[in-house]
Amino acid sequence: MEREKLVQAKRVVIKVGSSTITYPNGKVNYEKIEKLARVMADLQNQGKQMILVSSGAGAVGVGKLMFSEKPKDIPGKQACAAVGQGILMHIYERFFAEYGQSVAQVLLTRADTLDRHHYANSRNTFLRLLEWGIIPVVNENDVVSIDEFKIGDNDNLSALVAGIVDADVDILLSDVDGLYTANPQTHPDAKRIPEVTEITPELEGMAGGAGSKNGTGGMITKIQAAKVANSSGISLVIASGEDPEVIRRVLRGEPVGTLFIPRVSHLQFRKQWLAFGAKIAGTLVVDDGLARAIRQEGSCSILPVGIVSVEGEFENGMTVSVVDKTRHELARGLVNYGTEDLKKIIGCQTRDIEKILGYTHTDEVIHRDNLVIM
């Protein structure tokens, strides 16, 4: 049933990794890119709105410079990306033009999502491009991004973009054809998991490391991306990038790859930014009872009595992460109390807040309307 819904998908994000569009030596795989452009152009002609999130700028730069491997230092990585970005975009522009499609380069950094106005501006730009029938080609702006503001990998970037544009599905094309019960390279008896309805700590534990020397992601980043997409009400599929025709198969509802099924409908714009755009300023660790309530009830408020500890320095109105005692993230939300005051009232009843602090801002540390379940 969930697979059948993909047939109706109109707005589609496709993410391709470095290992999909380059050879192991970093040289461009023109055959793969040509097939990718053909499939996406044809789907665009069918009336769908296609967005491409592409890795590979750094790998292409490494190939162009004839280095044996990607530099380890940040300036070296950024310089390779600077060399490769223009080359890669020119290749996409040429192949998509052969099939009658125009493309636009969109470079994002984490800083573009931290400010709500920047986030809104990014959304408006994407929507105008889609309205004009243009295929956005998105990458992180590696040339200028710094560690503090890096999204870090294009799996999570694609999920972030999918949320910004209210996509129906995010398809991650990878060097693996889905999530397995174990690493299939070391466990031949591992089974592919066709569908995932809940991302549990055990599921996250199955994820392995990066598989390609030219890539930065691994299965763990794909699980993280699925969590982000699903929390925005967006389906996510991990599928093999060996043959781009797999995109058509996914959108026909065929049982390929692994489908992560969202638990909620699309989030309102404000909550999207709250969950995935705003910078996380701190962490609230909650007790087992509150963790269970959040999982079962979904949108319950966070009261001081259920908080075990507070981490980080933040003021009221900032965004914090809510985790259980095992550090599994349950939710994100806007706090009504800063760190200093919150540490004084954790574990207490709401009726005691004024007696402890000398004032009561609200009974809730995070109100349910300002809480997004992860």
Protein backbone atom coordinates (compact mmCIF):
# COMPACT_ATOMS: atom_id res chain seq x y z
CA MET A 1 0.00 0.00 0.00
CA GLU A 2 2.76 2.46 0.95
CA ARG A 3 4.66 1.61 -2.24
CA GLU A 4 1.56 2.40 -4.30
CA LYS A 5 1.55 5.95 -2.93
CA LEU A 6 4.90 6.58 -4.64
CA VAL A 7 3.14 6.31 -8.01
CA GLN A 8 1.34 9.56 -7.16
CA ALA A 9 4.53 11.39 -6.16
CA LYS A 10 4.82 14.71 -7.97
CA ARG A 11 7.80 16.43 -6.36
CA VAL A 12 10.83 14.13 -6.25
CA VAL A 13 14.33 14.62 -4.83
CA ILE A 14 17.06 12.39 -6.25
CA LYS A 15 20.41 12.15 -4.47
CA VAL A 16 23.42 10.65 -6.22
CA GLY A 17 26.67 9.87 -4.43
CA SER A 18 30.22 10.25 -5.67
CA SER A 19 30.49 6.50 -6.19
CA THR A 20 27.48 6.62 -8.55
CA ILE A 21 28.74 9.31 -10.95
CA THR A 22 32.52 8.78 -10.79
CA TYR A 23 34.84 5.83 -11.20
CA PRO A 24 37.04 4.73 -8.27
CA ASN A 25 39.89 6.83 -9.71
CA GLY A 26 37.73 9.97 -9.47
CA LYS A 27 37.15 10.28 -13.22
CA VAL A 28 33.65 11.13 -14.39
CA ASN A 29 31.34 8.26 -15.32
CA TYR A 30 29.65 9.87 -18.32
CA GLU A 31 27.47 6.84 -19.05
CA LYS A 32 25.84 6.98 -15.62
CA ILE A 33 25.30 10.74 -15.76
CA GLU A 34 23.77 10.50 -19.25
CA LYS A 35 21.33 7.81 -18.08
CA LEU A 36 20.49 9.83 -14.97
CA ALA A 37 19.77 12.94 -17.06
CA ARG A 38 17.62 10.94 -19.49
CA VAL A 39 15.49 9.33 -16.78
CA MET A 40 15.02 12.57 -14.80
CA ALA A 41 14.24 14.57 -17.95
CA ASP A 42 11.64 12.03 -19.02
CA LEU A 43 9.98 12.09 -15.59
CA GLN A 44 9.99 15.90 -15.73
CA ASN A 45 8.24 15.66 -19.12
CA GLN A 46 5.58 13.48 -17.47
CA GLY A 47 4.69 16.40 -15.21
CA LYS A 48 6.78 15.60 -12.15
CA GLN A 49 9.04 18.19 -10.53
CA MET A 50 12.55 16.82 -10.19
CA ILE A 51 15.34 18.05 -7.91
CA LEU A 52 18.86 16.59 -8.06
CA VAL A 53 21.19 16.62 -5.06
CA SER A 54 24.60 15.64 -6.36
CA SER A 55 27.80 14.70 -4.63
CA GLY A 56 30.96 14.45 -6.67
CA ALA A 57 32.46 17.94 -6.92
CA GLY A 58 35.37 16.98 -4.68
CA ALA A 59 35.87 13.65 -6.43
CA VAL A 60 35.78 15.29 -9.88
CA GLY A 61 38.31 17.87 -8.65
CA VAL A 62 40.58 15.07 -7.42
CA GLY A 63 40.33 13.41 -10.84
CA LYS A 64 41.00 16.64 -12.73
CA LEU A 65 44.06 17.35 -10.59
CA MET A 66 45.20 13.74 -11.04
CA PHE A 67 45.62 13.18 -7.29
CA SER A 68 45.68 9.58 -6.06
CA GLU A 69 43.22 10.39 -3.26
CA LYS A 70 41.21 13.24 -1.76
CA PRO A 71 43.28 15.60 0.45
CA LYS A 72 42.80 15.15 4.19
CA ASP A 73 42.96 18.84 5.18
CA ILE A 74 39.98 21.19 4.88
CA PRO A 75 41.61 23.76 2.52
CA GLY A 76 42.66 20.88 0.24
CA LYS A 77 39.15 19.41 0.19
CA GLN A 78 37.62 22.81 -0.48
CA ALA A 79 40.10 23.54 -3.27
CA CYS A 80 39.26 20.21 -4.94
CA ALA A 81 35.56 21.05 -4.67
CA ALA A 82 36.23 24.46 -6.22
CA VAL A 83 37.95 22.80 -9.19
CA GLY A 84 35.31 20.10 -9.57
CA GLN A 85 32.10 22.07 -9.02
CA GLY A 86 32.21 23.99 -12.29
CA ILE A 87 33.20 20.90 -14.26
CA LEU A 88 30.40 18.81 -12.77
CA MET A 89 27.77 21.51 -13.34
CA HIS A 90 28.87 21.92 -16.96
CA ILE A 91 28.47 18.16 -17.49
CA TYR A 92 24.96 18.18 -16.00
CA GLU A 93 23.99 21.25 -18.03
CA ARG A 94 25.15 19.61 -21.25
CA PHE A 95 23.43 16.25 -20.71
CA PHE A 96 20.14 17.69 -19.46
CA ALA A 97 20.10 20.13 -22.41
CA GLU A 98 20.30 17.16 -24.79
CA TYR A 99 16.92 16.08 -23.41
CA GLY A 100 15.39 19.55 -23.52
CA GLN A 101 15.72 20.44 -19.84
CA SER A 102 17.22 23.48 -18.15
CA VAL A 103 19.07 23.20 -14.85
CA ALA A 104 20.05 25.65 -12.13
CA GLN A 105 22.91 25.36 -9.68
CA VAL A 106 21.96 25.78 -6.01
CA LEU A 107 24.74 25.79 -3.41
CA LEU A 108 23.71 25.64 0.25
CA THR A 109 25.46 25.75 3.59
CA ARG A 110 24.12 25.02 7.06
CA ALA A 111 24.24 28.76 7.72
CA ASP A 112 21.56 29.24 5.05
CA THR A 113 19.15 27.19 7.16
CA LEU A 114 19.90 28.58 10.63
CA ASP A 115 18.14 31.89 10.03
CA ARG A 116 14.43 31.47 9.43
CA HIS A 117 14.39 34.26 6.82
CA HIS A 118 17.26 32.64 4.88
CA TYR A 119 15.44 29.32 5.11
CA ALA A 120 12.27 30.93 3.73
CA ASN A 121 14.24 32.61 0.96
CA SER A 122 15.79 29.29 -0.06
CA ARG A 123 12.32 27.75 -0.18
CA ASN A 124 10.97 30.59 -2.34
CA THR A 125 13.85 30.25 -4.79
CA PHE A 126 13.37 26.49 -5.11
CA LEU A 127 9.62 26.87 -5.64
CA ARG A 128 10.12 29.51 -8.34
CA LEU A 129 12.61 27.29 -10.20
CA LEU A 130 10.16 24.38 -10.05
CA GLU A 131 7.35 26.66 -11.20
CA TRP A 132 9.47 27.59 -14.24
CA GLY A 133 10.11 23.93 -15.05
CA ILE A 134 13.80 24.08 -14.17
CA ILE A 135 15.60 21.19 -12.47
CA PRO A 136 17.64 22.46 -9.48
CA VAL A 137 21.03 20.76 -9.07
CA VAL A 138 21.98 21.10 -5.40
CA ASN A 139 25.22 20.64 -3.53
CA GLU A 140 26.67 21.89 -0.29
CA ASN A 141 28.89 24.89 -0.86
CA ASP A 142 32.05 23.06 0.24
CA VAL A 143 34.31 25.87 -0.96
CA VAL A 144 33.21 28.25 1.80
CA SER A 145 31.50 26.08 4.42
CA ILE A 146 33.28 25.53 7.73
CA ASP A 147 32.88 22.64 10.16
CA GLU A 148 30.59 24.59 12.50
CA PHE A 149 28.13 25.22 9.68
CA LYS A 150 28.59 22.11 7.53
CA ILE A 151 25.65 19.88 6.76
CA GLY A 152 28.41 17.34 6.23
CA ASP A 153 26.98 14.86 3.76
CA ASN A 154 24.57 14.94 0.84
CA ASP A 155 22.28 12.25 2.26
CA ASN A 156 21.22 14.67 4.98
CA LEU A 157 21.37 17.59 2.53
CA SER A 158 18.86 15.83 0.29
CA ALA A 159 16.49 15.26 3.22
CA LEU A 160 16.84 18.90 4.23
CA VAL A 161 16.09 20.00 0.64
CA ALA A 162 13.13 17.61 0.50
CA GLY A 163 11.73 19.30 3.61
CA ILE A 164 12.33 22.80 2.25
CA VAL A 165 10.41 22.08 -0.97
CA ASP A 166 7.72 19.78 0.55
CA ALA A 167 8.80 16.85 -1.63
CA ASP A 168 6.75 13.67 -1.78
CA VAL A 169 9.75 11.33 -1.84
CA ASP A 170 13.52 11.48 -1.47
CA ILE A 171 15.40 8.75 -3.37
CA LEU A 172 19.00 8.08 -2.31
CA LEU A 173 20.96 6.34 -5.07
CA SER A 174 23.87 4.56 -3.46
CA ASP A 175 26.47 1.83 -3.92
CA VAL A 176 24.18 -0.43 -1.87
CA ASP A 177 20.64 -1.43 -2.84
CA GLY A 178 19.01 -0.87 0.52
CA LEU A 179 19.28 -1.40 4.27
CA TYR A 180 20.32 -4.91 5.30
CA THR A 181 20.08 -6.83 8.54
CA ALA A 182 23.91 -6.81 8.55
CA ASN A 183 26.71 -5.61 6.29
CA PRO A 184 26.21 -7.71 3.10
CA GLN A 185 29.92 -7.35 2.23
CA THR A 186 30.93 -9.25 5.35
CA HIS A 187 27.71 -11.22 5.99
CA PRO A 188 26.56 -13.05 2.83
CA ASP A 189 23.41 -14.22 4.61
CA ALA A 190 22.27 -10.64 5.35
CA LYS A 191 18.73 -9.85 4.20
CA ARG A 192 17.51 -6.64 2.63
CA ILE A 193 14.80 -4.88 4.65
CA PRO A 194 12.04 -3.85 2.17
CA GLU A 195 10.22 -1.35 4.42
CA VAL A 196 10.91 0.49 7.67
CA THR A 197 8.04 1.96 9.67
CA GLU A 198 10.05 3.15 12.69
CA ILE A 199 13.71 4.11 13.06
CA THR A 200 14.70 2.53 16.37
CA PRO A 201 18.07 2.65 18.17
CA GLU A 202 18.53 -1.01 17.14
CA LEU A 203 18.02 -0.07 13.49
CA GLU A 204 20.54 2.74 13.78
CA GLY A 205 22.95 0.21 15.27
CA MET A 206 22.81 -1.83 12.06
CA ALA A 207 24.33 1.03 10.05
CA GLY A 208 27.94 0.61 8.94
CA GLY A 209 30.66 3.05 7.87
CA ALA A 210 31.39 4.71 4.56
CA GLY A 211 31.78 2.25 1.68
CA SER A 212 33.66 4.25 -0.94
CA LYS A 213 36.96 6.06 -0.64
CA ASN A 214 35.59 8.95 -2.75
CA GLY A 215 32.40 9.36 -0.70
CA THR A 216 31.76 10.81 2.74
CA GLY A 217 28.57 9.00 3.68
CA GLY A 218 27.74 5.52 4.85
CA MET A 219 24.56 3.74 5.86
CA ILE A 220 24.44 5.72 9.12
CA THR A 221 24.02 9.02 7.23
CA LYS A 222 21.23 7.46 5.18
CA ILE A 223 19.43 6.41 8.36
CA GLN A 224 19.83 9.95 9.70
CA ALA A 225 18.47 11.34 6.42
CA ALA A 226 15.51 8.96 6.60
CA LYS A 227 14.76 10.20 10.12
CA VAL A 228 14.82 13.81 8.93
CA ALA A 229 12.67 13.09 5.85
CA ASN A 230 10.15 10.93 7.71
CA SER A 231 9.81 13.51 10.47
CA SER A 232 8.78 15.99 7.75
CA GLY A 233 6.18 13.55 6.41
CA ILE A 234 8.32 12.58 3.41
CA SER A 235 8.99 9.04 2.20
CA LEU A 236 12.63 8.08 1.64
CA VAL A 237 13.99 5.22 -0.46
CA ILE A 238 17.53 3.83 -0.47
CA ALA A 239 18.24 2.12 -3.80
CA SER A 240 21.21 1.07 -5.92
CA GLY A 241 22.62 3.75 -8.21
CA GLU A 242 24.13 1.15 -10.55
CA ASP A 243 21.32 1.75 -13.07
CA PRO A 244 19.40 5.08 -12.88
CA GLU A 245 16.37 3.27 -14.33
CA VAL A 246 15.76 2.24 -10.72
CA ILE A 247 14.21 5.70 -10.23
CA ARG A 248 11.35 4.75 -12.56
CA ARG A 249 10.92 1.43 -10.74
CA VAL A 250 10.66 3.20 -7.37
CA LEU A 251 8.08 5.64 -8.76
CA ARG A 252 6.09 2.75 -10.25
CA GLY A 253 5.77 1.31 -6.75
CA GLU A 254 7.99 -1.70 -7.38
CA PRO A 255 9.53 -3.34 -4.26
CA VAL A 256 13.11 -2.20 -4.85
CA GLY A 257 15.49 -0.86 -2.23
CA THR A 258 14.33 0.05 1.27
CA LEU A 259 11.36 2.35 1.80
CA PHE A 260 11.24 4.41 5.00
CA ILE A 261 7.61 5.24 5.69
CA PRO A 262 6.80 8.59 7.36
CA ARG A 263 4.71 8.57 10.53
CA VAL A 264 3.23 12.03 10.03
CA SER A 265 1.83 14.14 7.23
CA HIS A 266 3.87 17.06 5.91
CA LEU A 267 4.93 19.45 8.67
CA GLN A 268 3.94 23.08 8.56
CA PHE A 269 6.74 25.36 7.38
CA ARG A 270 7.49 26.74 10.89
CA LYS A 271 7.91 23.27 12.35
CA GLN A 272 10.14 22.20 9.45
CA TRP A 273 12.50 25.04 10.22
CA LEU A 274 12.27 24.38 13.95
CA ALA A 275 13.23 20.72 13.50
CA PHE A 276 15.78 20.87 10.72
CA GLY A 277 16.82 24.45 10.12
CA ALA A 278 17.37 25.90 13.57
CA LYS A 279 20.69 25.37 15.34
CA ILE A 280 20.47 22.96 18.27
CA ALA A 281 21.57 24.94 21.33
CA GLY A 282 21.41 22.21 23.97
CA THR A 283 19.96 18.90 25.12
CA LEU A 284 17.30 17.80 27.60
CA VAL A 285 17.62 14.24 28.91
CA VAL A 286 14.22 12.89 30.01
CA ASP A 287 13.22 9.97 32.22
CA ASP A 288 11.75 6.69 30.98
CA GLY A 289 8.17 7.73 31.70
CA LEU A 290 8.33 10.92 29.67
CA ALA A 291 10.24 9.18 26.89
CA ARG A 292 7.49 6.57 26.72
CA ALA A 293 4.81 9.29 26.64
CA ILE A 294 6.55 11.12 23.81
CA ARG A 295 6.76 7.90 21.77
CA GLN A 296 3.15 6.93 22.43
CA GLU A 297 1.31 10.24 22.54
CA GLY A 298 3.52 12.09 20.08
CA SER A 299 2.76 15.70 20.93
CA CYS A 300 2.78 15.88 24.74
CA SER A 301 4.37 18.92 26.39
CA ILE A 302 7.69 18.61 28.24
CA LEU A 303 7.27 19.36 31.94
CA PRO A 304 10.14 19.85 34.41
CA VAL A 305 9.18 16.77 36.45
CA GLY A 306 10.21 14.46 33.59
CA ILE A 307 13.62 16.05 32.91
CA VAL A 308 16.68 14.25 34.28
CA SER A 309 19.47 16.59 33.18
CA VAL A 310 20.25 19.63 31.02
CA GLU A 311 23.25 20.03 28.71
CA GLY A 312 24.55 23.10 26.91
CA GLU A 313 24.15 26.84 27.43
CA PHE A 314 20.97 28.31 25.98
CA GLU A 315 18.34 30.98 26.60
CA ASN A 316 14.58 30.73 26.45
CA GLY A 317 13.25 30.65 22.90
CA MET A 318 16.16 28.56 21.58
CA THR A 319 15.88 25.11 20.01
CA VAL A 320 17.01 22.07 22.00
CA SER A 321 17.10 18.33 21.41
CA VAL A 322 15.14 15.98 23.68
CA VAL A 323 16.76 12.57 24.23
CA ASP A 324 16.15 9.53 26.39
CA LYS A 325 18.71 8.07 28.80
CA THR A 326 20.32 6.06 25.97
CA ARG A 327 20.86 9.31 23.99
CA HIS A 328 18.26 8.36 21.37
CA GLU A 329 16.73 11.59 20.04
CA LEU A 330 13.00 11.78 20.63
CA ALA A 331 12.10 15.35 19.67
CA ARG A 332 13.22 18.94 19.17
CA GLY A 333 11.54 22.04 20.45
CA LEU A 334 11.65 25.65 21.67
CA VAL A 335 12.41 25.97 25.39
CA ASN A 336 10.61 28.42 27.65
CA TYR A 337 13.45 28.55 30.20
CA GLY A 338 17.19 29.12 29.84
CA THR A 339 19.86 26.74 31.10
CA GLU A 340 20.45 28.43 34.45
CA ASP A 341 16.80 28.48 35.48
CA LEU A 342 16.01 25.09 33.98
CA LYS A 343 18.70 23.36 36.03
CA LYS A 344 16.99 24.66 39.18
CA ILE A 345 13.58 23.23 38.34
CA ILE A 346 14.34 19.86 36.71
CA GLY A 347 12.44 17.07 38.42
CA CYS A 348 10.06 19.43 40.25
CA GLN A 349 6.29 19.76 39.97
CA THR A 350 4.93 22.70 37.96
CA ARG A 351 3.30 24.17 41.08
CA ASP A 352 6.77 24.60 42.61
CA ILE A 353 8.32 26.57 39.71
CA GLU A 354 7.41 30.01 41.08
CA LYS A 355 8.60 29.12 44.58
CA ILE A 356 12.00 28.03 43.19
CA LEU A 357 12.57 30.72 40.55
CA GLY A 358 10.52 33.58 41.97
CA TYR A 359 8.46 33.69 38.78
CA THR A 360 6.58 31.38 36.42
CA HIS A 361 6.99 31.90 32.69
CA THR A 362 4.88 28.87 31.73
CA ASP A 363 4.17 25.46 33.26
CA GLU A 364 5.75 23.75 30.25
CA VAL A 365 9.49 23.67 29.56
CA ILE A 366 8.49 22.97 25.94
CA HIS A 367 4.86 23.39 24.89
CA ARG A 368 3.45 20.66 22.65
CA ASP A 369 2.82 23.25 19.88
CA ASN A 370 6.55 24.00 19.79
CA LEU A 371 7.65 20.34 19.85
CA VAL A 372 8.52 18.24 16.78
CA ILE A 373 8.77 14.48 17.20
CA MET A 374 11.82 12.93 15.54
